[in-house]
Amino acid sequence: SYSAVLEKGIRPTHQPEIICAETIEMAEKIGKRRDNQPIRLT
């Protein structure tokens, strides 16, 4: 979904809201529940 996100921005998908983490470790922990190699955005 990265190419679409770059064009249109980040929107909720499988969650009612976008979950943002204060640490990279937590963001990757959440992201890997949907993709083994997720794309990390700052």
Full PDB file with SEQRES, HELIX, SHEET, SSBOND, CRYST1, ORIGX, SCALE, CONECT and MASTER records, all heavy atoms in Angstrom:
SEQRES   1 A   42  SER TYR SER ALA VAL LEU GLU LYS GLY ILE ARG PRO THR          
SEQRES   2 A   42  HIS GLN PRO GLU ILE ILE CYS ALA GLU THR ILE GLU MET          
SEQRES   3 A   42  ALA GLU LYS ILE GLY LYS ARG ARG ASP ASN GLN PRO ILE          
SEQRES   4 A   42  ARG LEU THR                                                  
HELIX    1 AA1 TYR A    2  LYS A    8  1                                   7    
HELIX    2 AA2 ILE A   24  GLY A   31  1                                   8    
CRYST1    1.000    1.000    1.000  90.00  90.00  90.00 P 1           1          
ORIGX1      1.000000  0.000000  0.000000        0.00000                         
ORIGX2      0.000000  1.000000  0.000000        0.00000                         
ORIGX3      0.000000  0.000000  1.000000        0.00000                         
SCALE1      1.000000  0.000000  0.000000        0.00000                         
SCALE2      0.000000  1.000000  0.000000        0.00000                         
SCALE3      0.000000  0.000000  1.000000        0.00000                         
ATOM      1  N   SER A   1       0.810  -1.219   0.000  1.00  0.00           N  
ATOM      2  CA  SER A   1       0.000   0.000   0.000  1.00  0.00           C  
ATOM      3  C   SER A   1       0.846   1.272   0.000  1.00  0.00           C  
ATOM      4  O   SER A   1       0.304   2.376   0.036  1.00  0.00           O  
ATOM      5  CB  SER A   1      -0.934   0.007   1.214  1.00  0.00           C  
ATOM      6  OG  SER A   1      -0.187   0.041   2.425  1.00  0.00           O  
ATOM      7  N   TYR A   2       2.173   1.116  -0.072  1.00  0.00           N  
ATOM      8  CA  TYR A   2       3.058   2.269   0.089  1.00  0.00           C  
ATOM      9  C   TYR A   2       2.867   3.309  -1.014  1.00  0.00           C  
ATOM     10  O   TYR A   2       2.813   4.510  -0.757  1.00  0.00           O  
ATOM     11  CB  TYR A   2       4.509   1.796   0.141  1.00  0.00           C  
ATOM     12  CG  TYR A   2       5.508   2.871   0.520  1.00  0.00           C  
ATOM     13  CD1 TYR A   2       5.132   3.952   1.307  1.00  0.00           C  
ATOM     14  CD2 TYR A   2       6.828   2.812   0.082  1.00  0.00           C  
ATOM     15  CE1 TYR A   2       6.043   4.929   1.667  1.00  0.00           C  
ATOM     16  CE2 TYR A   2       7.747   3.786   0.441  1.00  0.00           C  
ATOM     17  CZ  TYR A   2       7.350   4.845   1.225  1.00  0.00           C  
ATOM     18  OH  TYR A   2       8.252   5.819   1.573  1.00  0.00           O  
ATOM     19  N   SER A   3       2.765   2.883  -2.262  1.00  0.00           N  
ATOM     20  CA  SER A   3       2.639   3.838  -3.366  1.00  0.00           C  
ATOM     21  C   SER A   3       1.368   4.673  -3.224  1.00  0.00           C  
ATOM     22  O   SER A   3       1.377   5.886  -3.466  1.00  0.00           O  
ATOM     23  CB  SER A   3       2.639   3.103  -4.706  1.00  0.00           C  
ATOM     24  OG  SER A   3       1.582   2.160  -4.773  1.00  0.00           O  
ATOM     25  N   ALA A   4       0.260   4.045  -2.809  1.00  0.00           N  
ATOM     26  CA  ALA A   4      -0.991   4.782  -2.618  1.00  0.00           C  
ATOM     27  C   ALA A   4      -0.890   5.740  -1.446  1.00  0.00           C  
ATOM     28  O   ALA A   4      -1.415   6.856  -1.485  1.00  0.00           O  
ATOM     29  CB  ALA A   4      -2.146   3.800  -2.415  1.00  0.00           C  
ATOM     30  N   VAL A   5      -0.196   5.324  -0.381  1.00  0.00           N  
ATOM     31  CA  VAL A   5      -0.031   6.180   0.789  1.00  0.00           C  
ATOM     32  C   VAL A   5       0.803   7.411   0.447  1.00  0.00           C  
ATOM     33  O   VAL A   5       0.513   8.527   0.892  1.00  0.00           O  
ATOM     34  CB  VAL A   5       0.612   5.381   1.948  1.00  0.00           C  
ATOM     35  CG1 VAL A   5       1.090   6.308   3.048  1.00  0.00           C  
ATOM     36  CG2 VAL A   5      -0.389   4.381   2.512  1.00  0.00           C  
ATOM     37  N   LEU A   6       1.852   7.245  -0.358  1.00  0.00           N  
ATOM     38  CA  LEU A   6       2.673   8.380  -0.760  1.00  0.00           C  
ATOM     39  C   LEU A   6       1.859   9.410  -1.528  1.00  0.00           C  
ATOM     40  O   LEU A   6       2.100  10.619  -1.436  1.00  0.00           O  
ATOM     41  CB  LEU A   6       3.842   7.904  -1.621  1.00  0.00           C  
ATOM     42  CG  LEU A   6       4.996   7.201  -0.898  1.00  0.00           C  
ATOM     43  CD1 LEU A   6       6.023   6.708  -1.911  1.00  0.00           C  
ATOM     44  CD2 LEU A   6       5.655   8.124   0.112  1.00  0.00           C  
ATOM     45  N   GLU A   7       0.883   8.945  -2.258  1.00  0.00           N  
ATOM     46  CA  GLU A   7       0.078   9.847  -3.086  1.00  0.00           C  
ATOM     47  C   GLU A   7      -1.088  10.475  -2.316  1.00  0.00           C  
ATOM     48  O   GLU A   7      -1.343  11.677  -2.438  1.00  0.00           O  
ATOM     49  CB  GLU A   7      -0.458   9.085  -4.298  1.00  0.00           C  
ATOM     50  CG  GLU A   7      -1.319   9.920  -5.223  1.00  0.00           C  
ATOM     51  CD  GLU A   7      -1.881   9.102  -6.371  1.00  0.00           C  
ATOM     52  OE1 GLU A   7      -1.511   7.910  -6.491  1.00  0.00           O  
ATOM     53  OE2 GLU A   7      -2.679   9.647  -7.142  1.00  0.00           O  
ATOM     54  N   LYS A   8      -1.769   9.655  -1.490  1.00  0.00           N  
ATOM     55  CA  LYS A   8      -3.014  10.120  -0.872  1.00  0.00           C  
ATOM     56  C   LYS A   8      -2.919  10.334   0.637  1.00  0.00           C  
ATOM     57  O   LYS A   8      -3.862  10.845   1.245  1.00  0.00           O  
ATOM     58  CB  LYS A   8      -4.135   9.116  -1.172  1.00  0.00           C  
ATOM     59  CG  LYS A   8      -4.388   8.920  -2.655  1.00  0.00           C  
ATOM     60  CD  LYS A   8      -5.464   7.896  -2.896  1.00  0.00           C  
ATOM     61  CE  LYS A   8      -5.702   7.677  -4.394  1.00  0.00           C  
ATOM     62  NZ  LYS A   8      -6.743   6.639  -4.640  1.00  0.00           N  
ATOM     63  N   GLY A   9      -1.815   9.910   1.264  1.00  0.00           N  
ATOM     64  CA  GLY A   9      -1.697  10.048   2.705  1.00  0.00           C  
ATOM     65  C   GLY A   9      -2.097   8.771   3.432  1.00  0.00           C  
ATOM     66  O   GLY A   9      -2.516   7.778   2.818  1.00  0.00           O  
ATOM     67  N   ILE A  10      -1.968   8.814   4.754  1.00  0.00           N  
ATOM     68  CA  ILE A  10      -2.260   7.635   5.587  1.00  0.00           C  
ATOM     69  C   ILE A  10      -3.694   7.725   6.098  1.00  0.00           C  
ATOM     70  O   ILE A  10      -4.102   8.747   6.663  1.00  0.00           O  
ATOM     71  CB  ILE A  10      -1.286   7.543   6.776  1.00  0.00           C  
ATOM     72  CG1 ILE A  10       0.161   7.648   6.291  1.00  0.00           C  
ATOM     73  CG2 ILE A  10      -1.484   6.237   7.531  1.00  0.00           C  
ATOM     74  CD1 ILE A  10       1.166   7.731   7.424  1.00  0.00           C  
ATOM     75  N   ARG A  11      -4.434   6.655   5.915  1.00  0.00           N  
ATOM     76  CA  ARG A  11      -5.807   6.555   6.418  1.00  0.00           C  
ATOM     77  C   ARG A  11      -5.954   5.242   7.183  1.00  0.00           C  
ATOM     78  O   ARG A  11      -5.206   4.294   6.946  1.00  0.00           O  
ATOM     79  CB  ARG A  11      -6.819   6.617   5.273  1.00  0.00           C  
ATOM     80  CG  ARG A  11      -6.790   7.921   4.490  1.00  0.00           C  
ATOM     81  CD  ARG A  11      -7.838   7.947   3.402  1.00  0.00           C  
ATOM     82  NE  ARG A  11      -7.771   9.162   2.607  1.00  0.00           N  
ATOM     83  CZ  ARG A  11      -8.360  10.301   2.938  1.00  0.00           C  
ATOM     84  NH1 ARG A  11      -9.080  10.360   4.054  1.00  0.00           N  
ATOM     85  NH2 ARG A  11      -8.260  11.364   2.161  1.00  0.00           N  
ATOM     86  N   PRO A  12      -6.934   5.159   8.084  1.00  0.00           N  
ATOM     87  CA  PRO A  12      -7.152   3.896   8.800  1.00  0.00           C  
ATOM     88  C   PRO A  12      -7.539   2.785   7.828  1.00  0.00           C  
ATOM     89  O   PRO A  12      -8.243   3.021   6.854  1.00  0.00           O  
ATOM     90  CB  PRO A  12      -8.301   4.233   9.759  1.00  0.00           C  
ATOM     91  CG  PRO A  12      -8.306   5.723   9.864  1.00  0.00           C  
ATOM     92  CD  PRO A  12      -7.831   6.233   8.534  1.00  0.00           C  
ATOM     93  N   THR A  13      -7.062   1.588   8.093  1.00  0.00           N  
ATOM     94  CA  THR A  13      -7.414   0.433   7.266  1.00  0.00           C  
ATOM     95  C   THR A  13      -8.090  -0.640   8.118  1.00  0.00           C  
ATOM     96  O   THR A  13      -9.311  -0.728   8.166  1.00  0.00           O  
ATOM     97  CB  THR A  13      -6.162  -0.125   6.569  1.00  0.00           C  
ATOM     98  OG1 THR A  13      -5.137  -0.368   7.561  1.00  0.00           O  
ATOM     99  CG2 THR A  13      -5.627   0.856   5.542  1.00  0.00           C  
ATOM    100  N   HIS A  14      -7.283  -1.456   8.805  1.00  0.00           N  
ATOM    101  CA  HIS A  14      -7.844  -2.533   9.616  1.00  0.00           C  
ATOM    102  C   HIS A  14      -8.220  -2.072  11.020  1.00  0.00           C  
ATOM    103  O   HIS A  14      -8.785  -2.837  11.795  1.00  0.00           O  
ATOM    104  CB  HIS A  14      -6.853  -3.693   9.700  1.00  0.00           C  
ATOM    105  CG  HIS A  14      -5.550  -3.317  10.320  1.00  0.00           C  
ATOM    106  ND1 HIS A  14      -4.571  -2.618   9.637  1.00  0.00           N  
ATOM    107  CD2 HIS A  14      -5.053  -3.519  11.560  1.00  0.00           C  
ATOM    108  CE1 HIS A  14      -3.545  -2.418  10.424  1.00  0.00           C  
ATOM    109  NE2 HIS A  14      -3.794  -2.954  11.595  1.00  0.00           N  
ATOM    110  N   GLN A  15      -7.903  -0.807  11.358  1.00  0.00           N  
ATOM    111  CA  GLN A  15      -8.233  -0.252  12.663  1.00  0.00           C  
ATOM    112  C   GLN A  15      -9.142   0.955  12.462  1.00  0.00           C  
ATOM    113  O   GLN A  15      -9.090   1.619  11.421  1.00  0.00           O  
ATOM    114  CB  GLN A  15      -6.961   0.190  13.409  1.00  0.00           C  
ATOM    115  CG  GLN A  15      -5.993  -0.934  13.722  1.00  0.00           C  
ATOM    116  CD  GLN A  15      -6.371  -1.685  14.998  1.00  0.00           C  
ATOM    117  OE1 GLN A  15      -7.469  -1.540  15.511  1.00  0.00           O  
ATOM    118  NE2 GLN A  15      -5.461  -2.488  15.503  1.00  0.00           N  
ATOM    119  N   PRO A  16      -9.974   1.289  13.457  1.00  0.00           N  
ATOM    120  CA  PRO A  16     -10.826   2.486  13.311  1.00  0.00           C  
ATOM    121  C   PRO A  16     -10.017   3.769  13.200  1.00  0.00           C  
ATOM    122  O   PRO A  16     -10.479   4.743  12.620  1.00  0.00           O  
ATOM    123  CB  PRO A  16     -11.673   2.462  14.594  1.00  0.00           C  
ATOM    124  CG  PRO A  16     -11.616   1.056  15.091  1.00  0.00           C  
ATOM    125  CD  PRO A  16     -10.276   0.540  14.687  1.00  0.00           C  
ATOM    126  N   GLU A  17      -8.791   3.783  13.762  1.00  0.00           N  
ATOM    127  CA  GLU A  17      -7.942   4.962  13.737  1.00  0.00           C  
ATOM    128  C   GLU A  17      -6.515   4.564  13.379  1.00  0.00           C  
ATOM    129  O   GLU A  17      -6.143   3.394  13.445  1.00  0.00           O  
ATOM    130  CB  GLU A  17      -7.949   5.647  15.110  1.00  0.00           C  
ATOM    131  CG  GLU A  17      -9.319   6.107  15.580  1.00  0.00           C  
ATOM    132  CD  GLU A  17      -9.299   6.498  17.050  1.00  0.00           C  
ATOM    133  OE1 GLU A  17      -9.188   5.588  17.902  1.00  0.00           O  
ATOM    134  OE2 GLU A  17      -9.380   7.704  17.332  1.00  0.00           O  
ATOM    135  N   ILE A  18      -5.719   5.560  13.004  1.00  0.00           N  
ATOM    136  CA  ILE A  18      -4.294   5.329  12.769  1.00  0.00           C  
ATOM    137  C   ILE A  18      -3.588   5.321  14.117  1.00  0.00           C  
ATOM    138  O   ILE A  18      -3.745   6.251  14.909  1.00  0.00           O  
ATOM    139  CB  ILE A  18      -3.702   6.442  11.888  1.00  0.00           C  
ATOM    140  CG1 ILE A  18      -4.460   6.545  10.570  1.00  0.00           C  
ATOM    141  CG2 ILE A  18      -2.222   6.181  11.623  1.00  0.00           C  
ATOM    142  CD1 ILE A  18      -4.145   7.814   9.791  1.00  0.00           C  
ATOM    143  N   ILE A  19      -2.832   4.276  14.385  1.00  0.00           N  
ATOM    144  CA  ILE A  19      -2.100   4.173  15.650  1.00  0.00           C  
ATOM    145  C   ILE A  19      -0.654   4.582  15.406  1.00  0.00           C  
ATOM    146  O   ILE A  19       0.046   3.960  14.611  1.00  0.00           O  
ATOM    147  CB  ILE A  19      -2.171   2.744  16.221  1.00  0.00           C  
ATOM    148  CG1 ILE A  19      -3.624   2.343  16.462  1.00  0.00           C  
ATOM    149  CG2 ILE A  19      -1.371   2.647  17.516  1.00  0.00           C  
ATOM    150  CD1 ILE A  19      -3.791   0.913  16.952  1.00  0.00           C  
ATOM    151  N   CYS A  20      -0.231   5.643  16.071  1.00  0.00           N  
ATOM    152  CA  CYS A  20       1.134   6.143  15.963  1.00  0.00           C  
ATOM    153  C   CYS A  20       1.871   5.836  17.265  1.00  0.00           C  
ATOM    154  O   CYS A  20       1.308   6.009  18.355  1.00  0.00           O  
ATOM    155  CB  CYS A  20       1.148   7.649  15.714  1.00  0.00           C  
ATOM    156  SG  CYS A  20       0.147   8.182  14.310  1.00  0.00           S  
ATOM    157  N   ALA A  21       3.100   5.397  17.162  1.00  0.00           N  
ATOM    158  CA  ALA A  21       3.890   5.036  18.339  1.00  0.00           C  
ATOM    159  C   ALA A  21       5.004   6.051  18.551  1.00  0.00           C  
ATOM    160  O   ALA A  21       5.539   6.633  17.598  1.00  0.00           O  
ATOM    161  CB  ALA A  21       4.470   3.638  18.185  1.00  0.00           C  
ATOM    162  N   GLU A  22       5.369   6.222  19.799  1.00  0.00           N  
ATOM    163  CA  GLU A  22       6.434   7.154  20.139  1.00  0.00           C  
ATOM    164  C   GLU A  22       7.813   6.531  19.913  1.00  0.00           C  
ATOM    165  O   GLU A  22       8.797   7.246  19.803  1.00  0.00           O  
ATOM    166  CB  GLU A  22       6.285   7.594  21.592  1.00  0.00           C  
ATOM    167  CG  GLU A  22       6.999   8.881  21.933  1.00  0.00           C  
ATOM    168  CD  GLU A  22       6.571   9.458  23.268  1.00  0.00           C  
ATOM    169  OE1 GLU A  22       5.592   8.945  23.863  1.00  0.00           O  
ATOM    170  OE2 GLU A  22       7.217  10.409  23.714  1.00  0.00           O  
ATOM    171  N   THR A  23       7.871   5.196  19.822  1.00  0.00           N  
ATOM    172  CA  THR A  23       9.147   4.515  19.597  1.00  0.00           C  
ATOM    173  C   THR A  23       9.070   3.676  18.322  1.00  0.00           C  
ATOM    174  O   THR A  23       7.993   3.180  17.947  1.00  0.00           O  
ATOM    175  CB  THR A  23       9.521   3.598  20.774  1.00  0.00           C  
ATOM    176  OG1 THR A  23       8.563   2.525  20.857  1.00  0.00           O  
ATOM    177  CG2 THR A  23       9.532   4.381  22.083  1.00  0.00           C  
ATOM    178  N   ILE A  24      10.225   3.521  17.687  1.00  0.00           N  
ATOM    179  CA  ILE A  24      10.298   2.701  16.478  1.00  0.00           C  
ATOM    180  C   ILE A  24       9.962   1.246  16.802  1.00  0.00           C  
ATOM    181  O   ILE A  24       9.283   0.561  16.024  1.00  0.00           O  
ATOM    182  CB  ILE A  24      11.701   2.810  15.855  1.00  0.00           C  
ATOM    183  CG1 ILE A  24      11.936   4.235  15.347  1.00  0.00           C  
ATOM    184  CG2 ILE A  24      11.877   1.802  14.727  1.00  0.00           C  
ATOM    185  CD1 ILE A  24      13.339   4.477  14.819  1.00  0.00           C  
ATOM    186  N   GLU A  25      10.425   0.776  17.955  1.00  0.00           N  
ATOM    187  CA  GLU A  25      10.204  -0.630  18.331  1.00  0.00           C  
ATOM    188  C   GLU A  25       8.718  -0.954  18.411  1.00  0.00           C  
ATOM    189  O   GLU A  25       8.274  -1.992  17.902  1.00  0.00           O  
ATOM    190  CB  GLU A  25      10.884  -0.925  19.666  1.00  0.00           C  
ATOM    191  CG  GLU A  25      12.404  -0.894  19.636  1.00  0.00           C  
ATOM    192  CD  GLU A  25      12.987   0.512  19.620  1.00  0.00           C  
ATOM    193  OE1 GLU A  25      12.232   1.469  19.914  1.00  0.00           O  
ATOM    194  OE2 GLU A  25      14.178   0.666  19.306  1.00  0.00           O  
ATOM    195  N   MET A  26       7.941  -0.075  19.032  1.00  0.00           N  
ATOM    196  CA  MET A  26       6.507  -0.340  19.159  1.00  0.00           C  
ATOM    197  C   MET A  26       5.812  -0.233  17.812  1.00  0.00           C  
ATOM    198  O   MET A  26       4.917  -1.031  17.500  1.00  0.00           O  
ATOM    199  CB  MET A  26       5.881   0.626  20.160  1.00  0.00           C  
ATOM    200  CG  MET A  26       4.371   0.431  20.348  1.00  0.00           C  
ATOM    201  SD  MET A  26       3.917  -1.259  20.854  1.00  0.00           S  
ATOM    202  CE  MET A  26       4.441  -1.227  22.581  1.00  0.00           C  
ATOM    203  N   ALA A  27       6.224   0.726  16.990  1.00  0.00           N  
ATOM    204  CA  ALA A  27       5.614   0.868  15.667  1.00  0.00           C  
ATOM    205  C   ALA A  27       5.845  -0.383  14.830  1.00  0.00           C  
ATOM    206  O   ALA A  27       4.938  -0.871  14.144  1.00  0.00           O  
ATOM    207  CB  ALA A  27       6.180   2.097  14.963  1.00  0.00           C  
ATOM    208  N   GLU A  28       7.065  -0.931  14.879  1.00  0.00           N  
ATOM    209  CA  GLU A  28       7.357  -2.136  14.116  1.00  0.00           C  
ATOM    210  C   GLU A  28       6.636  -3.358  14.687  1.00  0.00           C  
ATOM    211  O   GLU A  28       6.216  -4.246  13.943  1.00  0.00           O  
ATOM    212  CB  GLU A  28       8.869  -2.368  14.086  1.00  0.00           C  
ATOM    213  CG  GLU A  28       9.614  -1.326  13.259  1.00  0.00           C  
ATOM    214  CD  GLU A  28      11.111  -1.566  13.211  1.00  0.00           C  
ATOM    215  OE1 GLU A  28      11.608  -2.360  14.060  1.00  0.00           O  
ATOM    216  OE2 GLU A  28      11.777  -0.971  12.345  1.00  0.00           O  
ATOM    217  N   LYS A  29       6.481  -3.381  15.990  1.00  0.00           N  
ATOM    218  CA  LYS A  29       5.759  -4.490  16.622  1.00  0.00           C  
ATOM    219  C   LYS A  29       4.312  -4.522  16.143  1.00  0.00           C  
ATOM    220  O   LYS A  29       3.778  -5.583  15.811  1.00  0.00           O  
ATOM    221  CB  LYS A  29       5.804  -4.323  18.144  1.00  0.00           C  
ATOM    222  CG  LYS A  29       5.126  -5.434  18.913  1.00  0.00           C  
ATOM    223  CD  LYS A  29       5.287  -5.218  20.417  1.00  0.00           C  
ATOM    224  CE  LYS A  29       4.660  -6.348  21.212  1.00  0.00           C  
ATOM    225  NZ  LYS A  29       4.846  -6.153  22.680  1.00  0.00           N  
ATOM    226  N   ILE A  30       3.690  -3.359  16.078  1.00  0.00           N  
ATOM    227  CA  ILE A  30       2.304  -3.278  15.607  1.00  0.00           C  
ATOM    228  C   ILE A  30       2.242  -3.573  14.111  1.00  0.00           C  
ATOM    229  O   ILE A  30       1.356  -4.292  13.638  1.00  0.00           O  
ATOM    230  CB  ILE A  30       1.716  -1.897  15.918  1.00  0.00           C  
ATOM    231  CG1 ILE A  30       1.658  -1.676  17.439  1.00  0.00           C  
ATOM    232  CG2 ILE A  30       0.324  -1.748  15.319  1.00  0.00           C  
ATOM    233  CD1 ILE A  30       1.270  -0.260  17.846  1.00  0.00           C  
ATOM    234  N   GLY A  31       3.198  -3.019  13.339  1.00  0.00           N  
ATOM    235  CA  GLY A  31       3.173  -3.189  11.895  1.00  0.00           C  
ATOM    236  C   GLY A  31       3.375  -4.619  11.448  1.00  0.00           C  
ATOM    237  O   GLY A  31       2.794  -5.050  10.452  1.00  0.00           O  
ATOM    238  N   LYS A  32       4.183  -5.380  12.176  1.00  0.00           N  
ATOM    239  CA  LYS A  32       4.469  -6.756  11.785  1.00  0.00           C  
ATOM    240  C   LYS A  32       3.283  -7.694  12.021  1.00  0.00           C  
ATOM    241  O   LYS A  32       3.337  -8.850  11.605  1.00  0.00           O  
ATOM    242  CB  LYS A  32       5.706  -7.261  12.531  1.00  0.00           C  
ATOM    243  CG  LYS A  32       6.997  -6.656  12.008  1.00  0.00           C  
ATOM    244  CD  LYS A  32       8.220  -7.189  12.733  1.00  0.00           C  
ATOM    245  CE  LYS A  32       9.501  -6.594  12.164  1.00  0.00           C  
ATOM    246  NZ  LYS A  32      10.712  -7.066  12.868  1.00  0.00           N  
ATOM    247  N   ARG A  33       2.248  -7.196  12.656  1.00  0.00           N  
ATOM    248  CA  ARG A  33       1.031  -8.003  12.776  1.00  0.00           C  
ATOM    249  C   ARG A  33       0.270  -8.063  11.461  1.00  0.00           C  
ATOM    250  O   ARG A  33      -0.590  -8.919  11.277  1.00  0.00           O  
ATOM    251  CB  ARG A  33       0.129  -7.414  13.876  1.00  0.00           C  
ATOM    252  CG  ARG A  33       0.736  -7.514  15.268  1.00  0.00           C  
ATOM    253  CD  ARG A  33      -0.082  -6.758  16.289  1.00  0.00           C  
ATOM    254  NE  ARG A  33       0.602  -6.744  17.587  1.00  0.00           N  
ATOM    255  CZ  ARG A  33       0.222  -6.006  18.624  1.00  0.00           C  
ATOM    256  NH1 ARG A  33      -0.833  -5.203  18.510  1.00  0.00           N  
ATOM    257  NH2 ARG A  33       0.899  -6.055  19.765  1.00  0.00           N  
ATOM    258  N   ARG A  34       0.601  -7.146  10.544  1.00  0.00           N  
ATOM    259  CA  ARG A  34      -0.068  -7.102   9.245  1.00  0.00           C  
ATOM    260  C   ARG A  34       0.855  -7.451   8.086  1.00  0.00           C  
ATOM    261  O   ARG A  34       0.394  -7.845   7.022  1.00  0.00           O  
ATOM    262  CB  ARG A  34      -0.641  -5.693   9.008  1.00  0.00           C  
ATOM    263  CG  ARG A  34      -1.476  -5.136  10.133  1.00  0.00           C  
ATOM    264  CD  ARG A  34      -2.725  -5.929  10.358  1.00  0.00           C  
ATOM    265  NE  ARG A  34      -3.581  -5.942   9.191  1.00  0.00           N  
ATOM    266  CZ  ARG A  34      -4.720  -6.601   9.128  1.00  0.00           C  
ATOM    267  NH1 ARG A  34      -5.132  -7.318  10.153  1.00  0.00           N  
ATOM    268  NH2 ARG A  34      -5.452  -6.572   8.030  1.00  0.00           N  
ATOM    269  N   ASP A  35       2.172  -7.259   8.285  1.00  0.00           N  
ATOM    270  CA  ASP A  35       3.130  -7.483   7.208  1.00  0.00           C  
ATOM    271  C   ASP A  35       4.458  -7.880   7.842  1.00  0.00           C  
ATOM    272  O   ASP A  35       4.915  -7.229   8.782  1.00  0.00           O  
ATOM    273  CB  ASP A  35       3.289  -6.199   6.379  1.00  0.00           C  
ATOM    274  CG  ASP A  35       4.043  -6.436   5.077  1.00  0.00           C  
ATOM    275  OD1 ASP A  35       5.007  -7.233   5.091  1.00  0.00           O  
ATOM    276  OD2 ASP A  35       3.688  -5.830   4.059  1.00  0.00           O  
ATOM    277  N   ASN A  36       5.073  -8.935   7.319  1.00  0.00           N  
ATOM    278  CA  ASN A  36       6.343  -9.386   7.885  1.00  0.00           C  
ATOM    279  C   ASN A  36       7.464  -8.367   7.695  1.00  0.00           C  
ATOM    280  O   ASN A  36       8.396  -8.293   8.497  1.00  0.00           O  
ATOM    281  CB  ASN A  36       6.759 -10.722   7.253  1.00  0.00           C  
ATOM    282  CG  ASN A  36       5.870 -11.862   7.681  1.00  0.00           C  
ATOM    283  OD1 ASN A  36       5.324 -11.848   8.782  1.00  0.00           O  
ATOM    284  ND2 ASN A  36       5.697 -12.847   6.817  1.00  0.00           N  
ATOM    285  N   GLN A  37       7.383  -7.589   6.630  1.00  0.00           N  
ATOM    286  CA  GLN A  37       8.376  -6.554   6.351  1.00  0.00           C  
ATOM    287  C   GLN A  37       7.661  -5.236   6.055  1.00  0.00           C  
ATOM    288  O   GLN A  37       7.604  -4.781   4.905  1.00  0.00           O  
ATOM    289  CB  GLN A  37       9.276  -6.962   5.186  1.00  0.00           C  
ATOM    290  CG  GLN A  37      10.141  -8.187   5.473  1.00  0.00           C  
ATOM    291  CD  GLN A  37      11.012  -8.559   4.297  1.00  0.00           C  
ATOM    292  OE1 GLN A  37      10.657  -8.394   3.139  1.00  0.00           O  
ATOM    293  NE2 GLN A  37      12.198  -9.071   4.590  1.00  0.00           N  
ATOM    294  N   PRO A  38       7.107  -4.600   7.075  1.00  0.00           N  
ATOM    295  CA  PRO A  38       6.351  -3.366   6.834  1.00  0.00           C  
ATOM    296  C   PRO A  38       7.264  -2.190   6.500  1.00  0.00           C  
ATOM    297  O   PRO A  38       8.471  -2.224   6.755  1.00  0.00           O  
ATOM    298  CB  PRO A  38       5.633  -3.143   8.171  1.00  0.00           C  
ATOM    299  CG  PRO A  38       6.553  -3.758   9.190  1.00  0.00           C  
ATOM    300  CD  PRO A  38       7.157  -4.956   8.507  1.00  0.00           C  
ATOM    301  N   ILE A  39       6.672  -1.156   5.931  1.00  0.00           N  
ATOM    302  CA  ILE A  39       7.386   0.088   5.629  1.00  0.00           C  
ATOM    303  C   ILE A  39       7.191   1.041   6.806  1.00  0.00           C  
ATOM    304  O   ILE A  39       6.066   1.320   7.208  1.00  0.00           O  
ATOM    305  CB  ILE A  39       6.841   0.741   4.346  1.00  0.00           C  
ATOM    306  CG1 ILE A  39       7.005  -0.196   3.147  1.00  0.00           C  
ATOM    307  CG2 ILE A  39       7.531   2.075   4.090  1.00  0.00           C  
ATOM    308  CD1 ILE A  39       8.415  -0.427   2.720  1.00  0.00           C  
ATOM    309  N   ARG A  40       8.306   1.517   7.365  1.00  0.00           N  
ATOM    310  CA  ARG A  40       8.211   2.435   8.503  1.00  0.00           C  
ATOM    311  C   ARG A  40       8.215   3.880   8.013  1.00  0.00           C  
ATOM    312  O   ARG A  40       9.065   4.283   7.216  1.00  0.00           O  
ATOM    313  CB  ARG A  40       9.374   2.221   9.469  1.00  0.00           C  
ATOM    314  CG  ARG A  40       9.220   3.027  10.750  1.00  0.00           C  
ATOM    315  CD  ARG A  40      10.386   2.820  11.696  1.00  0.00           C  
ATOM    316  NE  ARG A  40      11.581   3.524  11.286  1.00  0.00           N  
ATOM    317  CZ  ARG A  40      12.746   2.946  11.064  1.00  0.00           C  
ATOM    318  NH1 ARG A  40      12.885   1.639  11.190  1.00  0.00           N  
ATOM    319  NH2 ARG A  40      13.807   3.656  10.707  1.00  0.00           N  
ATOM    320  N   LEU A  41       7.247   4.648   8.494  1.00  0.00           N  
ATOM    321  CA  LEU A  41       7.127   6.060   8.151  1.00  0.00           C  
ATOM    322  C   LEU A  41       7.360   6.906   9.397  1.00  0.00           C  
ATOM    323  O   LEU A  41       6.934   6.542  10.493  1.00  0.00           O  
ATOM    324  CB  LEU A  41       5.743   6.363   7.568  1.00  0.00           C  
ATOM    325  CG  LEU A  41       5.326   5.517   6.354  1.00  0.00           C  
ATOM    326  CD1 LEU A  41       3.918   5.886   5.934  1.00  0.00           C  
ATOM    327  CD2 LEU A  41       6.309   5.708   5.202  1.00  0.00           C  
ATOM    328  N   THR A  42       8.012   8.033   9.215  1.00  0.00           N  
ATOM    329  CA  THR A  42       8.250   8.984  10.305  1.00  0.00           C  
ATOM    330  C   THR A  42       7.225  10.104  10.198  1.00  0.00           C  
ATOM    331  O   THR A  42       7.171  10.805   9.175  1.00  0.00           O  
ATOM    332  CB  THR A  42       9.677   9.558  10.231  1.00  0.00           C  
ATOM    333  OG1 THR A  42      10.624   8.485  10.320  1.00  0.00           O  
ATOM    334  CG2 THR A  42       9.923  10.528  11.374  1.00  0.00           C  
TER     335      THR A  42                                                      
MASTER        0    0    0    2    0    0    0    6  334    1    0    4          
END                                                                             
